[in-house]
């Protein structure tokens, strides 16, 4: 019974980890211009929630989310005219900013939008 409780507790902690990681980065991130842009425009800020991420015209659902150190890794499943594609996203909060790596190529340093 004690082993079962320990296993149950460990399972609950592991299950809660992605939600806690997303809470630290949830919200809108950008520069002054993008924070004031229309929600669905290509200039809109990075928007992160527990279930979706949007940026630079891509609107994606979160397929998988995990954390290594301070970095939150997301497998973003995005749709376009060609169908669904998987985009790796890495988000690292630091000093009131968010370092973003989108699809291993696009990198940015963003601040939280008001």
C-alpha atoms as a PDB file:
ATOM      1  CA  UNK A   1       0.000   0.000   0.000  1.00  0.00           C
ATOM      2  CA  UNK A   2       2.831   2.420   0.840  1.00  0.00           C
ATOM      3  CA  UNK A   3       4.543   1.640  -2.488  1.00  0.00           C
ATOM      4  CA  UNK A   4       1.240   2.302  -4.293  1.00  0.00           C
ATOM      5  CA  UNK A   5       0.848   5.685  -2.554  1.00  0.00           C
ATOM      6  CA  UNK A   6       4.421   6.626  -3.508  1.00  0.00           C
ATOM      7  CA  UNK A   7       3.770   5.615  -7.113  1.00  0.00           C
ATOM      8  CA  UNK A   8       0.497   7.555  -7.143  1.00  0.00           C
ATOM      9  CA  UNK A   9       2.171  10.656  -5.699  1.00  0.00           C
ATOM     10  CA  UNK A  10       5.002  10.456  -8.247  1.00  0.00           C
ATOM     11  CA  UNK A  11       2.459  10.065 -11.065  1.00  0.00           C
ATOM     12  CA  UNK A  12       0.538  13.134  -9.916  1.00  0.00           C
ATOM     13  CA  UNK A  13       3.711  15.235  -9.703  1.00  0.00           C
ATOM     14  CA  UNK A  14       4.799  14.182 -13.200  1.00  0.00           C
ATOM     15  CA  UNK A  15       1.314  14.845 -14.610  1.00  0.00           C
ATOM     16  CA  UNK A  16       1.268  18.334 -13.079  1.00  0.00           C
ATOM     17  CA  UNK A  17       4.720  19.325 -14.391  1.00  0.00           C
ATOM     18  CA  UNK A  18       3.614  20.331 -17.939  1.00  0.00           C
ATOM     19  CA  UNK A  19       0.811  22.514 -16.584  1.00  0.00           C
ATOM     20  CA  UNK A  20       3.184  24.266 -14.173  1.00  0.00           C
ATOM     21  CA  UNK A  21       5.675  24.822 -17.002  1.00  0.00           C
ATOM     22  CA  UNK A  22       2.981  26.332 -19.228  1.00  0.00           C
ATOM     23  CA  UNK A  23       1.780  28.644 -16.432  1.00  0.00           C
ATOM     24  CA  UNK A  24       5.201  30.341 -16.274  1.00  0.00           C
ATOM     25  CA  UNK A  25       5.096  31.135 -19.995  1.00  0.00           C
ATOM     26  CA  UNK A  26       1.345  31.456 -20.605  1.00  0.00           C
ATOM     27  CA  UNK A  27       0.239  34.752 -22.090  1.00  0.00           C
ATOM     28  CA  UNK A  28       1.194  37.119 -24.879  1.00  0.00           C
ATOM     29  CA  UNK A  29       4.848  37.934 -25.653  1.00  0.00           C
ATOM     30  CA  UNK A  30       6.298  40.413 -28.149  1.00  0.00           C
ATOM     31  CA  UNK A  31       7.651  43.906 -28.711  1.00  0.00           C
ATOM     32  CA  UNK A  32       5.572  47.099 -28.553  1.00  0.00           C
ATOM     33  CA  UNK A  33       4.389  46.845 -32.160  1.00  0.00           C
ATOM     34  CA  UNK A  34       3.397  43.175 -32.005  1.00  0.00           C
ATOM     35  CA  UNK A  35       1.691  43.569 -28.615  1.00  0.00           C
ATOM     36  CA  UNK A  36      -0.610  46.139 -30.248  1.00  0.00           C
ATOM     37  CA  UNK A  37      -1.198  44.146 -33.469  1.00  0.00           C
ATOM     38  CA  UNK A  38      -4.461  42.391 -34.355  1.00  0.00           C
ATOM     39  CA  UNK A  39      -4.804  38.905 -32.842  1.00  0.00           C
ATOM     40  CA  UNK A  40      -4.656  36.889 -36.095  1.00  0.00           C
ATOM     41  CA  UNK A  41      -2.242  39.101 -38.064  1.00  0.00           C
ATOM     42  CA  UNK A  42       1.253  37.885 -38.989  1.00  0.00           C
ATOM     43  CA  UNK A  43       2.602  40.646 -36.714  1.00  0.00           C
ATOM     44  CA  UNK A  44       0.633  39.443 -33.669  1.00  0.00           C
ATOM     45  CA  UNK A  45       2.557  38.548 -30.510  1.00  0.00           C
ATOM     46  CA  UNK A  46       3.501  35.025 -29.524  1.00  0.00           C
ATOM     47  CA  UNK A  47       0.493  33.632 -27.651  1.00  0.00           C
ATOM     48  CA  UNK A  48       0.991  30.618 -25.370  1.00  0.00           C
ATOM     49  CA  UNK A  49      -1.580  28.603 -23.395  1.00  0.00           C
ATOM     50  CA  UNK A  50      -1.749  25.062 -22.009  1.00  0.00           C
ATOM     51  CA  UNK A  51      -3.357  23.817 -25.228  1.00  0.00           C
ATOM     52  CA  UNK A  52      -2.269  26.194 -28.049  1.00  0.00           C
ATOM     53  CA  UNK A  53       0.562  28.372 -29.327  1.00  0.00           C
ATOM     54  CA  UNK A  54       0.343  31.045 -32.058  1.00  0.00           C
ATOM     55  CA  UNK A  55       3.080  33.049 -33.728  1.00  0.00           C
ATOM     56  CA  UNK A  56       4.059  34.461 -37.137  1.00  0.00           C
ATOM     57  CA  UNK A  57       0.897  33.211 -38.833  1.00  0.00           C
ATOM     58  CA  UNK A  58       1.090  29.692 -37.374  1.00  0.00           C
ATOM     59  CA  UNK A  59      -1.792  28.608 -35.174  1.00  0.00           C
ATOM     60  CA  UNK A  60      -1.016  25.317 -33.445  1.00  0.00           C
ATOM     61  CA  UNK A  61      -2.278  22.969 -30.788  1.00  0.00           C
ATOM     62  CA  UNK A  62       0.116  21.649 -28.173  1.00  0.00           C
ATOM     63  CA  UNK A  63       0.803  17.993 -28.894  1.00  0.00           C
ATOM     64  CA  UNK A  64       3.365  17.525 -26.149  1.00  0.00           C
ATOM     65  CA  UNK A  65       5.005  19.797 -23.588  1.00  0.00           C
ATOM     66  CA  UNK A  66       7.921  19.106 -21.266  1.00  0.00           C
ATOM     67  CA  UNK A  67      10.550  21.044 -19.378  1.00  0.00           C
ATOM     68  CA  UNK A  68      14.334  20.646 -19.212  1.00  0.00           C
ATOM     69  CA  UNK A  69      15.996  23.044 -16.794  1.00  0.00           C
ATOM     70  CA  UNK A  70      14.440  26.469 -17.423  1.00  0.00           C
ATOM     71  CA  UNK A  71      13.367  25.691 -20.991  1.00  0.00           C
ATOM     72  CA  UNK A  72       9.853  24.576 -21.932  1.00  0.00           C
ATOM     73  CA  UNK A  73       9.761  22.423 -25.063  1.00  0.00           C
ATOM     74  CA  UNK A  74       6.563  22.173 -27.082  1.00  0.00           C
ATOM     75  CA  UNK A  75       5.670  19.884 -29.960  1.00  0.00           C
ATOM     76  CA  UNK A  76       3.332  22.265 -31.797  1.00  0.00           C
ATOM     77  CA  UNK A  77       0.951  20.598 -34.252  1.00  0.00           C
ATOM     78  CA  UNK A  78       0.105  23.210 -36.869  1.00  0.00           C
ATOM     79  CA  UNK A  79      -2.321  23.148 -39.790  1.00  0.00           C
ATOM     80  CA  UNK A  80      -2.023  24.835 -43.164  1.00  0.00           C
ATOM     81  CA  UNK A  81      -3.246  24.085 -46.697  1.00  0.00           C
ATOM     82  CA  UNK A  82      -0.783  21.197 -46.984  1.00  0.00           C
ATOM     83  CA  UNK A  83      -2.075  19.534 -43.796  1.00  0.00           C
ATOM     84  CA  UNK A  84      -0.729  19.063 -40.286  1.00  0.00           C
ATOM     85  CA  UNK A  85       2.961  19.516 -39.524  1.00  0.00           C
ATOM     86  CA  UNK A  86       4.945  19.283 -36.308  1.00  0.00           C
ATOM     87  CA  UNK A  87       6.970  22.338 -35.255  1.00  0.00           C
ATOM     88  CA  UNK A  88       9.433  22.166 -32.351  1.00  0.00           C
ATOM     89  CA  UNK A  89       9.219  25.228 -30.087  1.00  0.00           C
ATOM     90  CA  UNK A  90      11.565  26.053 -27.199  1.00  0.00           C
ATOM     91  CA  UNK A  91      10.663  28.795 -24.697  1.00  0.00           C
ATOM     92  CA  UNK A  92      12.962  29.978 -21.911  1.00  0.00           C
ATOM     93  CA  UNK A  93      11.851  32.703 -19.509  1.00  0.00           C
ATOM     94  CA  UNK A  94      14.640  34.826 -18.005  1.00  0.00           C
ATOM     95  CA  UNK A  95      14.777  38.276 -16.451  1.00  0.00           C
ATOM     96  CA  UNK A  96      11.241  39.233 -17.459  1.00  0.00           C
ATOM     97  CA  UNK A  97      11.833  38.165 -21.073  1.00  0.00           C
ATOM     98  CA  UNK A  98      11.192  35.029 -23.091  1.00  0.00           C
ATOM     99  CA  UNK A  99      13.749  33.469 -25.445  1.00  0.00           C
ATOM    100  CA  UNK A 100      11.942  31.736 -28.305  1.00  0.00           C
ATOM    101  CA  UNK A 101      13.217  29.207 -30.818  1.00  0.00           C
ATOM    102  CA  UNK A 102      10.511  28.373 -33.368  1.00  0.00           C
ATOM    103  CA  UNK A 103      11.011  25.475 -35.773  1.00  0.00           C
ATOM    104  CA  UNK A 104      14.758  25.415 -34.948  1.00  0.00           C
ATOM    105  CA  UNK A 105      15.301  28.517 -37.101  1.00  0.00           C
ATOM    106  CA  UNK A 106      13.384  31.597 -35.989  1.00  0.00           C
ATOM    107  CA  UNK A 107      14.779  33.054 -32.761  1.00  0.00           C
ATOM    108  CA  UNK A 108      13.630  36.038 -30.735  1.00  0.00           C
ATOM    109  CA  UNK A 109      13.808  37.699 -27.320  1.00  0.00           C
ATOM    110  CA  UNK A 110      10.320  38.856 -26.319  1.00  0.00           C
ATOM    111  CA  UNK A 111       8.784  40.634 -23.326  1.00  0.00           C
ATOM    112  CA  UNK A 112       5.385  39.972 -21.782  1.00  0.00           C
ATOM    113  CA  UNK A 113       2.661  42.114 -23.356  1.00  0.00           C
ATOM    114  CA  UNK A 114       0.636  44.312 -20.974  1.00  0.00           C
END
